[in-house]
Amino acid sequence: MFNTKSDNYLNFLNSLNFILNTTFIKIEQHGDHAKSKLIGWTGIKSIVVLTQQNDTYEIDIRYAWSKKIFSQNLIDYYCFEFDFSRKKALSKRNSRKKLIIYLCEESVGVSGIETDSIDRKFIVSDAWSTVNHIYLQSNYHHPFTISKNQQPLDIQSTDIEFNITHGKNEGGLRLKGIGRKILPDAPLISVVTVVRNGEKYIEQTIQSVINQSYHNVEYIIVDGVSSDKTLEIVKKYEDKIDYWLSEPDKGLSDVMNKGVELTTGKYISHLHADDFFLNPGLVEAIVEKIIANPSNWYTGSNLIVDYNGAIMDSSILSELRFKDMMKADIIKHPGTFVDRGSFLSIKFSSNYSHAMDYFFFLNLWRNFGEPVFLSEIDVTFRVHPNSLSSNYLGSLTSEMKARIDFRTQEKEYSFIPFDIMIYLSRMVKTFVYHYPLLYLNKLKFISKKYIAVSARMWCK
């Protein structure tokens, strides 16, 4: 039976070799497709197969009935049970390739055979060297059994009155009178993305929000008058974004506060334009925590990746004391959900270039108690040359200023000498560890580019 199935799968895959330019020779493994919380498709089969070129393909076969799949192409390859340890183990196996094949109903609008290839910067970790999609009509000859199980997701008409000033550079569902209901058993969760010239990564950010399985998510984007293609990308998803606004601002703290003021949800989360939710069930899990264990705020763990999607580190929070927070800026706003009223009672201060969130979390903890900790890695935090977090010295100096300001505010003057000692020790670490590491990574990147260019020139 296994051989018969394997032969059928090989014949099907090799019928597509005119697209892939490869020949499949051996099925290593096949089984049921893992479950996902994404809407618009259901998994049929997962196959691991070897090629004549000695590459390994991990192939997912899926049945699709909704055009939503085209708004998931930057996230649908890691959308279920992301196993950090597994991806880390696979990080050295760069010959592995990911292929997703959708068998599409007529409602999807696929004409013949369509394909797309994912840019490397959107691929989390080095588990796969490439991620590609093939979209086939469901009547294409294939050996799979399709269970037609549609799961439509409808946006409900709103009970909320919006104060919209027409004439601004704005858009989204609110302008059409469509919004989210505030329900006692389904609290409205608002996600805010602030951006300026974020064309490189923002589409993945957007897809990770609009594809959350929880039905009551409000999405707000505030743009600081971008001069690149950011707004073009935002408008592409206008029918899925609750409200977006583009206007000048007075800095990062100002625009982050403005974003929260535009929300109507019970809980708020900031997700910047180079970060993204790793798990489509994240908000649903947060709501379960909110209902089971009410609190003013919740915070989770982060997977830290570089500009090209490679895993750098992880920030896993299980237990944290206030005195730990006083030593370092540990909590990150991606993956942190705060009660809207609590947020507005504190807000981000414009006194800090980098550590506005640190000063905010210190005050939030002091005023409303400790957060509920979520140990799962659910948010990807991206560090790249243009991100604030990549400026270690600036971040550290701003963090120290926030710490001393907080001590002064709380009249805890006796702790300041110890804070200065911590600051100086971390300054030494920055110069001894972070800067050399950053320099080596840049050399590694330059070397790779040089080798690639040299190879192309040699081939010519």
Protein backbone atom coordinates (compact mmCIF):
# COMPACT_ATOMS: atom_id res chain seq x y z
CA MET A 1 0.00 0.00 0.00
CA PHE A 2 2.81 2.39 0.93
CA ASN A 3 4.58 1.71 -2.40
CA THR A 4 1.38 2.25 -4.36
CA LYS A 5 0.74 5.56 -2.66
CA SER A 6 4.36 6.58 -3.03
CA ASP A 7 4.25 5.86 -6.76
CA ASN A 8 1.05 7.87 -7.12
CA TYR A 9 2.54 10.80 -5.20
CA LEU A 10 5.74 10.67 -7.27
CA ASN A 11 3.79 10.61 -10.52
CA PHE A 12 1.73 13.61 -9.41
CA LEU A 13 4.77 15.62 -8.30
CA ASN A 14 6.70 14.81 -11.44
CA SER A 15 3.77 16.00 -13.53
CA LEU A 16 4.75 19.44 -12.17
CA ASN A 17 8.46 19.18 -12.97
CA PHE A 18 8.08 21.64 -15.84
CA ILE A 19 7.43 24.24 -13.11
CA LEU A 20 9.98 23.07 -10.55
CA ASN A 21 12.75 22.06 -12.97
CA THR A 22 13.51 19.01 -10.87
CA THR A 23 12.74 15.29 -10.84
CA PHE A 24 11.45 13.58 -7.71
CA ILE A 25 12.87 10.08 -7.18
CA LYS A 26 11.91 8.85 -3.70
CA ILE A 27 9.19 9.43 -1.11
CA GLU A 28 10.90 9.41 2.29
CA GLN A 29 7.79 9.98 4.37
CA HIS A 30 4.13 10.90 4.05
CA GLY A 31 1.29 11.42 6.48
CA ASP A 32 -1.64 13.61 7.42
CA HIS A 33 -1.15 17.35 7.19
CA ALA A 34 -0.87 19.08 10.59
CA LYS A 35 -3.87 21.13 11.66
CA SER A 36 -3.88 24.89 11.26
CA LYS A 37 -6.04 27.73 12.50
CA LEU A 38 -5.81 29.59 9.20
CA ILE A 39 -9.03 30.15 7.27
CA GLY A 40 -9.79 29.24 3.65
CA TRP A 41 -8.11 25.85 3.33
CA THR A 42 -7.67 22.50 5.00
CA GLY A 43 -4.61 20.26 4.99
CA ILE A 44 -4.68 16.97 3.06
CA LYS A 45 -1.24 15.42 3.10
CA SER A 46 2.39 16.19 4.02
CA ILE A 47 5.16 14.54 2.03
CA VAL A 48 8.94 14.47 2.36
CA VAL A 49 10.59 13.62 -0.94
CA LEU A 50 14.09 13.42 -2.45
CA THR A 51 15.03 14.79 -5.86
CA GLN A 52 17.52 13.71 -8.48
CA GLN A 53 19.63 16.73 -7.45
CA ASN A 54 19.76 15.32 -3.88
CA ASP A 55 17.55 18.08 -2.50
CA THR A 56 14.89 17.34 0.11
CA TYR A 57 11.42 18.84 -0.37
CA GLU A 58 8.90 19.16 2.43
CA ILE A 59 5.59 19.36 0.58
CA ASP A 60 2.16 20.25 1.98
CA ILE A 61 -0.91 19.39 -0.10
CA ARG A 62 -3.94 21.53 0.76
CA TYR A 63 -7.51 21.93 -0.43
CA ALA A 64 -8.53 25.62 -0.78
CA TRP A 65 -11.93 27.23 -1.26
CA SER A 66 -11.26 30.89 -0.46
CA LYS A 67 -9.19 33.73 -1.93
CA LYS A 68 -7.94 34.27 1.63
CA ILE A 69 -5.01 32.00 0.75
CA PHE A 70 -3.48 34.84 -1.29
CA SER A 71 -3.43 36.98 1.87
CA GLN A 72 -1.52 34.24 3.74
CA ASN A 73 1.34 33.43 1.38
CA LEU A 74 3.98 35.08 3.64
CA ILE A 75 2.89 33.18 6.76
CA ASP A 76 1.21 29.94 5.67
CA TYR A 77 4.41 27.89 5.69
CA TYR A 78 4.95 28.24 9.48
CA CYS A 79 1.30 28.58 10.46
CA PHE A 80 0.95 25.46 12.60
CA GLU A 81 2.75 24.25 15.71
CA PHE A 82 6.01 26.09 15.08
CA ASP A 83 8.58 23.93 16.86
CA PHE A 84 11.53 26.16 17.75
CA SER A 85 13.81 23.25 18.62
CA ARG A 86 12.98 21.48 15.37
CA LYS A 87 13.63 24.56 13.25
CA LYS A 88 16.88 25.12 15.10
CA ALA A 89 17.93 21.54 14.40
CA LEU A 90 17.07 22.00 10.74
CA SER A 91 18.86 25.32 10.47
CA LYS A 92 21.99 23.70 9.04
CA ARG A 93 20.16 21.67 6.42
CA ASN A 94 19.97 24.35 3.77
CA SER A 95 19.22 21.89 0.95
CA ARG A 96 15.68 21.45 2.30
CA LYS A 97 12.98 23.23 0.33
CA LYS A 98 9.39 23.96 1.25
CA LEU A 99 6.62 23.55 -1.32
CA ILE A 100 2.93 24.21 -0.70
CA ILE A 101 0.46 22.95 -3.29
CA TYR A 102 -3.10 24.26 -3.14
CA LEU A 103 -5.87 22.34 -4.93
CA CYS A 104 -8.31 25.19 -5.48
CA GLU A 105 -12.06 25.37 -5.95
CA GLU A 106 -13.40 27.62 -8.70
CA SER A 107 -14.25 30.26 -6.05
CA VAL A 108 -10.51 30.86 -5.49
CA GLY A 109 -10.19 32.24 -9.01
CA VAL A 110 -7.14 30.27 -10.12
CA SER A 111 -6.74 30.14 -13.87
CA GLY A 112 -4.77 27.10 -14.97
CA ILE A 113 -1.59 26.81 -12.90
CA GLU A 114 -0.28 29.73 -10.84
CA THR A 115 2.90 30.00 -8.74
CA ASP A 116 4.72 32.30 -6.39
CA SER A 117 8.06 32.29 -4.58
CA ILE A 118 8.63 33.80 -1.12
CA ASP A 119 11.42 36.33 -0.65
CA ARG A 120 14.15 34.99 1.64
CA LYS A 121 13.65 37.75 4.21
CA PHE A 122 10.16 36.40 4.99
CA ILE A 123 11.37 32.85 5.69
CA VAL A 124 11.72 32.28 9.43
CA SER A 125 14.99 30.48 10.27
CA ASP A 126 17.18 28.55 7.83
CA ALA A 127 15.02 25.44 8.00
CA TRP A 128 14.26 25.84 4.30
CA SER A 129 16.36 27.46 1.63
CA THR A 130 13.25 28.27 -0.44
CA VAL A 131 9.47 28.43 0.05
CA ASN A 132 7.26 28.17 -3.04
CA HIS A 133 3.54 27.86 -3.77
CA ILE A 134 1.74 26.16 -6.62
CA TYR A 135 -1.98 26.85 -7.10
CA LEU A 136 -3.87 24.21 -9.11
CA GLN A 137 -7.53 23.86 -9.96
CA SER A 138 -9.05 21.09 -7.85
CA ASN A 139 -9.95 19.10 -10.98
CA TYR A 140 -6.26 18.80 -11.86
CA HIS A 141 -5.39 15.08 -11.96
CA HIS A 142 -4.14 14.13 -8.47
CA PRO A 143 -4.17 11.10 -6.13
CA PHE A 144 -5.59 12.83 -3.04
CA THR A 145 -8.99 12.55 -1.36
CA ILE A 146 -10.56 15.95 -0.75
CA SER A 147 -12.90 16.55 2.19
CA LYS A 148 -14.79 19.71 1.30
CA ASN A 149 -15.12 21.54 4.60
CA GLN A 150 -15.62 25.27 4.29
CA GLN A 151 -15.21 27.60 7.25
CA PRO A 152 -16.38 31.10 6.31
CA LEU A 153 -15.43 34.01 8.55
CA ASP A 154 -17.77 37.01 8.54
CA ILE A 155 -17.14 40.50 9.88
CA GLN A 156 -20.10 41.66 11.93
CA SER A 157 -21.67 45.09 11.64
CA THR A 158 -20.56 47.36 14.42
CA ASP A 159 -22.43 48.80 17.38
CA ILE A 160 -19.72 51.46 17.77
CA GLU A 161 -19.95 55.02 16.50
CA PHE A 162 -16.72 56.19 14.92
CA ASN A 163 -15.52 59.78 14.91
CA ILE A 164 -13.95 59.87 11.44
CA THR A 165 -12.78 63.14 9.91
CA HIS A 166 -13.03 62.72 6.15
CA GLY A 167 -10.42 64.46 4.05
CA LYS A 168 -7.51 62.87 5.93
CA ASN A 169 -5.31 60.33 4.23
CA GLU A 170 -7.11 57.38 5.76
CA GLY A 171 -8.95 54.21 4.94
CA GLY A 172 -10.19 50.87 6.18
CA LEU A 173 -13.44 49.19 7.17
CA ARG A 174 -14.53 51.96 9.54
CA LEU A 175 -15.04 54.34 6.67
CA LYS A 176 -17.57 51.83 5.33
CA GLY A 177 -19.35 51.63 8.69
CA ILE A 178 -17.98 48.14 9.41
CA GLY A 179 -16.33 47.25 12.69
CA ARG A 180 -16.11 44.76 15.50
CA LYS A 181 -18.63 44.07 18.24
CA ILE A 182 -17.74 44.40 21.91
CA LEU A 183 -19.11 41.20 23.45
CA PRO A 184 -18.87 39.97 27.06
CA ASP A 185 -17.69 36.50 26.05
CA ALA A 186 -15.45 37.70 23.22
CA PRO A 187 -13.51 40.81 24.31
CA LEU A 188 -12.32 43.00 21.47
CA ILE A 189 -8.53 42.87 21.03
CA SER A 190 -6.88 45.80 19.25
CA VAL A 191 -3.55 45.47 17.46
CA VAL A 192 -1.69 48.67 16.52
CA THR A 193 1.07 48.88 13.93
CA VAL A 194 2.98 52.15 13.58
CA VAL A 195 5.19 52.57 10.54
CA ARG A 196 7.24 54.93 8.44
CA ASN A 197 8.86 53.66 5.26
CA GLY A 198 8.30 50.03 6.21
CA GLU A 199 7.73 48.54 2.76
CA LYS A 200 10.33 45.82 3.30
CA TYR A 201 8.53 43.85 6.01
CA ILE A 202 5.06 45.31 6.68
CA GLU A 203 3.15 42.92 4.42
CA GLN A 204 4.16 39.95 6.57
CA THR A 205 3.14 41.92 9.67
CA ILE A 206 -0.28 42.63 8.19
CA GLN A 207 -0.86 39.03 7.13
CA SER A 208 0.03 37.76 10.61
CA VAL A 209 -2.69 39.97 12.14
CA ILE A 210 -5.55 39.65 9.66
CA ASN A 211 -5.23 35.85 9.68
CA GLN A 212 -5.67 35.42 13.43
CA SER A 213 -8.20 32.68 14.23
CA TYR A 214 -9.89 34.80 16.90
CA HIS A 215 -12.79 36.60 15.19
CA ASN A 216 -12.82 39.79 17.27
CA VAL A 217 -9.50 41.46 16.41
CA GLU A 218 -9.40 45.15 15.53
CA TYR A 219 -6.40 46.24 13.43
CA ILE A 220 -5.17 49.85 13.35
CA ILE A 221 -2.22 51.09 11.26
CA VAL A 222 -0.77 54.57 11.78
CA ASP A 223 1.70 55.74 9.15
CA GLY A 224 4.08 58.65 9.55
CA VAL A 225 3.75 59.83 5.92
CA SER A 226 5.90 57.18 4.27
CA SER A 227 7.71 58.07 1.06
CA ASP A 228 8.14 54.44 -0.10
CA LYS A 229 5.51 51.83 -1.05
CA THR A 230 4.21 51.31 2.50
CA LEU A 231 0.77 52.83 1.85
CA GLU A 232 0.47 50.93 -1.41
CA ILE A 233 0.86 47.70 0.56
CA VAL A 234 -1.56 48.87 3.30
CA LYS A 235 -4.23 49.74 0.71
CA LYS A 236 -3.86 46.26 -0.79
CA TYR A 237 -5.37 44.93 2.48
CA GLU A 238 -7.81 47.80 3.04
CA ASP A 239 -10.83 45.49 3.20
CA LYS A 240 -9.23 43.63 6.13
CA ILE A 241 -7.82 46.56 8.14
CA ASP A 242 -10.23 48.32 10.48
CA TYR A 243 -8.64 51.74 10.13
CA TRP A 244 -5.44 53.24 8.80
CA LEU A 245 -4.24 56.81 8.96
CA SER A 246 -1.25 58.56 7.41
CA GLU A 247 -0.21 61.92 8.85
CA PRO A 248 2.87 63.61 10.38
CA ASP A 249 3.71 62.79 13.99
CA LYS A 250 5.99 64.07 16.74
CA GLY A 251 8.00 60.90 17.15
CA LEU A 252 7.58 57.23 18.04
CA SER A 253 5.92 57.75 21.43
CA ASP A 254 3.43 60.19 19.94
CA VAL A 255 2.38 57.89 17.12
CA MET A 256 2.15 54.82 19.40
CA ASN A 257 -0.10 56.75 21.79
CA LYS A 258 -2.15 58.02 18.86
CA GLY A 259 -2.63 54.45 17.66
CA VAL A 260 -4.08 53.38 21.01
CA GLU A 261 -6.39 56.41 21.10
CA LEU A 262 -7.81 55.26 17.76
CA THR A 263 -8.66 51.80 19.13
CA THR A 264 -11.91 50.66 20.68
CA GLY A 265 -10.80 47.31 22.10
CA LYS A 266 -10.58 46.10 25.67
CA TYR A 267 -6.89 45.08 25.31
CA ILE A 268 -4.15 46.64 23.19
CA SER A 269 -1.00 45.21 21.61
CA HIS A 270 1.66 47.05 19.58
CA LEU A 271 3.15 45.12 16.69
CA HIS A 272 5.69 47.12 14.70
CA ALA A 273 6.03 46.91 10.93
CA ASP A 274 9.06 44.59 11.04
CA ASP A 275 7.62 42.17 13.64
CA PHE A 276 4.88 39.58 13.24
CA PHE A 277 2.72 37.07 15.10
CA LEU A 278 4.25 33.63 14.67
CA ASN A 279 1.10 31.79 15.67
CA PRO A 280 -2.32 32.42 14.03
CA GLY A 281 -3.90 31.22 17.28
CA LEU A 282 -2.04 33.73 19.47
CA VAL A 283 -4.89 36.14 20.12
CA GLU A 284 -7.30 33.27 20.69
CA ALA A 285 -4.92 31.90 23.35
CA ILE A 286 -4.60 35.36 24.92
CA VAL A 287 -8.38 35.66 25.18
CA GLU A 288 -8.57 32.27 26.88
CA LYS A 289 -6.04 33.57 29.43
CA ILE A 290 -8.00 36.80 29.88
CA ILE A 291 -11.23 34.92 30.58
CA ALA A 292 -9.57 32.34 32.87
CA ASN A 293 -7.20 34.71 34.66
CA PRO A 294 -8.26 38.38 34.45
CA SER A 295 -5.38 40.85 34.68
CA ASN A 296 -4.42 44.32 33.50
CA TRP A 297 -1.70 42.97 31.25
CA TYR A 298 -0.18 39.86 29.73
CA THR A 299 3.26 39.37 28.19
CA GLY A 300 4.80 36.57 26.15
CA SER A 301 8.05 35.37 24.67
CA ASN A 302 9.76 36.46 21.48
CA LEU A 303 11.71 34.73 18.75
CA ILE A 304 14.45 37.14 17.64
CA VAL A 305 15.43 37.02 13.96
CA ASP A 306 17.74 39.10 11.79
CA TYR A 307 17.01 41.11 8.64
CA ASN A 308 17.01 37.90 6.59
CA GLY A 309 14.80 35.76 8.84
CA ALA A 310 17.61 33.74 10.45
CA ILE A 311 17.06 32.95 14.14
CA MET A 312 19.39 34.93 16.42
CA ASP A 313 17.96 34.18 19.85
CA SER A 314 14.78 33.74 21.85
CA SER A 315 13.47 35.71 24.79
CA ILE A 316 11.47 33.29 26.92
CA LEU A 317 9.64 34.66 29.94
CA SER A 318 8.21 32.28 32.51
CA GLU A 319 8.75 34.08 35.79
CA LEU A 320 9.96 37.63 36.28
CA ARG A 321 10.22 39.81 39.36
CA PHE A 322 10.03 43.57 39.46
CA LYS A 323 13.64 43.79 40.61
CA ASP A 324 14.63 41.88 37.46
CA MET A 325 12.89 44.55 35.41
CA MET A 326 14.85 47.23 37.27
CA LYS A 327 18.10 45.62 36.09
CA ALA A 328 17.25 45.43 32.40
CA ASP A 329 14.59 46.19 29.83
CA ILE A 330 13.33 42.61 29.53
CA ILE A 331 9.70 42.88 28.47
CA LYS A 332 9.07 43.70 24.80
CA HIS A 333 5.91 45.35 23.58
CA PRO A 334 5.44 42.85 20.70
CA GLY A 335 3.49 40.05 22.37
CA THR A 336 2.38 42.21 25.32
CA PHE A 337 -1.36 42.89 25.70
CA VAL A 338 -2.43 45.75 27.99
CA ASP A 339 -5.85 46.83 29.21
CA ARG A 340 -6.72 49.94 27.19
CA GLY A 341 -7.77 52.00 30.21
CA SER A 342 -4.55 51.09 32.03
CA PHE A 343 -2.51 52.08 28.99
CA LEU A 344 -4.19 55.45 28.61
CA SER A 345 -3.61 56.22 32.29
CA ILE A 346 0.17 56.01 31.70
CA LYS A 347 0.99 56.24 27.95
CA PHE A 348 4.43 56.28 26.36
CA SER A 349 6.65 59.20 27.33
CA SER A 350 8.29 61.30 24.61
CA ASN A 351 11.36 61.82 26.84
CA TYR A 352 13.13 58.73 25.53
CA SER A 353 14.55 57.93 22.10
CA HIS A 354 14.50 54.16 22.64
CA ALA A 355 13.28 53.17 26.11
CA MET A 356 9.78 54.64 26.09
CA ASP A 357 8.37 51.12 26.48
CA TYR A 358 10.72 50.37 29.41
CA PHE A 359 9.59 53.44 31.36
CA PHE A 360 6.00 52.56 30.49
CA PHE A 361 6.28 48.94 31.72
CA LEU A 362 7.97 50.01 34.97
CA ASN A 363 5.05 52.33 35.71
CA LEU A 364 2.50 49.77 34.54
CA TRP A 365 3.95 47.14 36.90
CA ARG A 366 4.19 49.56 39.81
CA ASN A 367 0.59 50.77 39.34
CA PHE A 368 -1.22 47.59 38.31
CA GLY A 369 0.93 44.70 39.54
CA GLU A 370 2.79 41.98 37.72
CA PRO A 371 1.65 40.66 34.32
CA VAL A 372 0.42 37.20 33.50
CA PHE A 373 3.33 35.46 31.76
CA LEU A 374 2.94 33.43 28.59
CA SER A 375 5.83 31.06 28.00
CA GLU A 376 5.02 30.18 24.39
CA ILE A 377 7.09 31.79 21.60
CA ASP A 378 4.36 33.58 19.68
CA VAL A 379 5.85 36.82 18.35
CA THR A 380 8.82 37.28 16.07
CA PHE A 381 10.91 40.33 16.90
CA ARG A 382 13.10 41.40 13.98
CA VAL A 383 16.46 43.15 14.45
CA HIS A 384 17.95 44.82 11.39
CA PRO A 385 20.27 47.78 10.72
CA ASN A 386 17.36 50.27 10.56
CA SER A 387 15.60 49.10 13.72
CA LEU A 388 15.93 50.93 17.04
CA SER A 389 16.91 47.69 18.77
CA SER A 390 20.04 47.33 16.64
CA ASN A 391 21.49 50.48 18.24
CA TYR A 392 22.77 48.80 21.42
CA LEU A 393 24.51 51.88 22.81
CA GLY A 394 21.55 54.18 22.15
CA SER A 395 19.14 51.68 23.64
CA LEU A 396 21.28 51.15 26.73
CA THR A 397 21.75 54.89 27.36
CA SER A 398 18.03 55.59 26.91
CA GLU A 399 17.20 52.67 29.20
CA MET A 400 19.49 54.06 31.91
CA LYS A 401 17.84 57.46 31.67
CA ALA A 402 14.42 55.84 32.04
CA ARG A 403 15.60 53.85 35.07
CA ILE A 404 17.00 56.91 36.88
CA ASP A 405 13.87 58.92 36.03
CA PHE A 406 11.74 56.14 37.51
CA ARG A 407 13.89 55.98 40.66
CA THR A 408 13.59 59.76 41.03
CA GLN A 409 9.83 59.66 40.43
CA GLU A 410 9.46 56.99 43.14
CA LYS A 411 11.98 58.74 45.44
CA GLU A 412 14.21 55.64 45.47
CA TYR A 413 17.43 57.65 45.37
CA SER A 414 19.53 55.10 47.31
CA PHE A 415 19.26 52.59 44.43
CA ILE A 416 20.71 54.92 41.78
CA PRO A 417 24.42 54.12 42.51
CA PHE A 418 23.68 50.42 42.01
CA ASP A 419 21.83 51.23 38.77
CA ILE A 420 24.88 53.11 37.53
CA MET A 421 27.10 50.10 38.28
CA ILE A 422 24.75 47.85 36.27
CA TYR A 423 24.77 50.38 33.43
CA LEU A 424 28.59 50.53 33.33
CA SER A 425 28.92 46.72 33.35
CA ARG A 426 26.48 46.43 30.47
CA MET A 427 28.34 49.17 28.59
CA VAL A 428 31.47 47.06 28.83
CA LYS A 429 29.52 44.05 27.53
CA THR A 430 28.26 46.14 24.62
CA PHE A 431 31.76 47.05 23.49
CA VAL A 432 33.30 43.65 24.24
CA TYR A 433 30.49 41.44 22.89
CA HIS A 434 27.71 43.14 20.92
CA TYR A 435 29.73 45.41 18.66
CA PRO A 436 32.31 42.74 17.68
CA LEU A 437 29.45 40.30 17.03
CA LEU A 438 27.64 42.87 14.89
CA TYR A 439 30.86 43.56 12.99
CA LEU A 440 31.45 39.84 12.36
CA ASN A 441 27.89 39.39 11.11
CA LYS A 442 28.37 42.26 8.69
CA LEU A 443 31.63 40.70 7.46
CA LYS A 444 29.84 37.37 7.03
CA PHE A 445 27.06 39.06 5.03
CA ILE A 446 29.57 40.95 2.84
CA SER A 447 31.56 37.74 2.26
CA LYS A 448 28.44 35.87 1.13
CA LYS A 449 27.57 38.66 -1.30
CA TYR A 450 31.14 38.74 -2.63
CA ILE A 451 31.17 34.97 -3.18
CA ALA A 452 27.78 35.11 -4.92
CA VAL A 453 28.87 37.96 -7.22
CA SER A 454 32.20 36.24 -7.97
CA ALA A 455 30.38 33.01 -8.85
CA ARG A 456 28.05 34.82 -11.26
CA MET A 457 30.98 36.58 -12.91
CA TRP A 458 32.88 33.28 -13.21
CA CYS A 459 29.87 31.59 -14.83
CA LYS A 460 29.74 34.34 -17.44
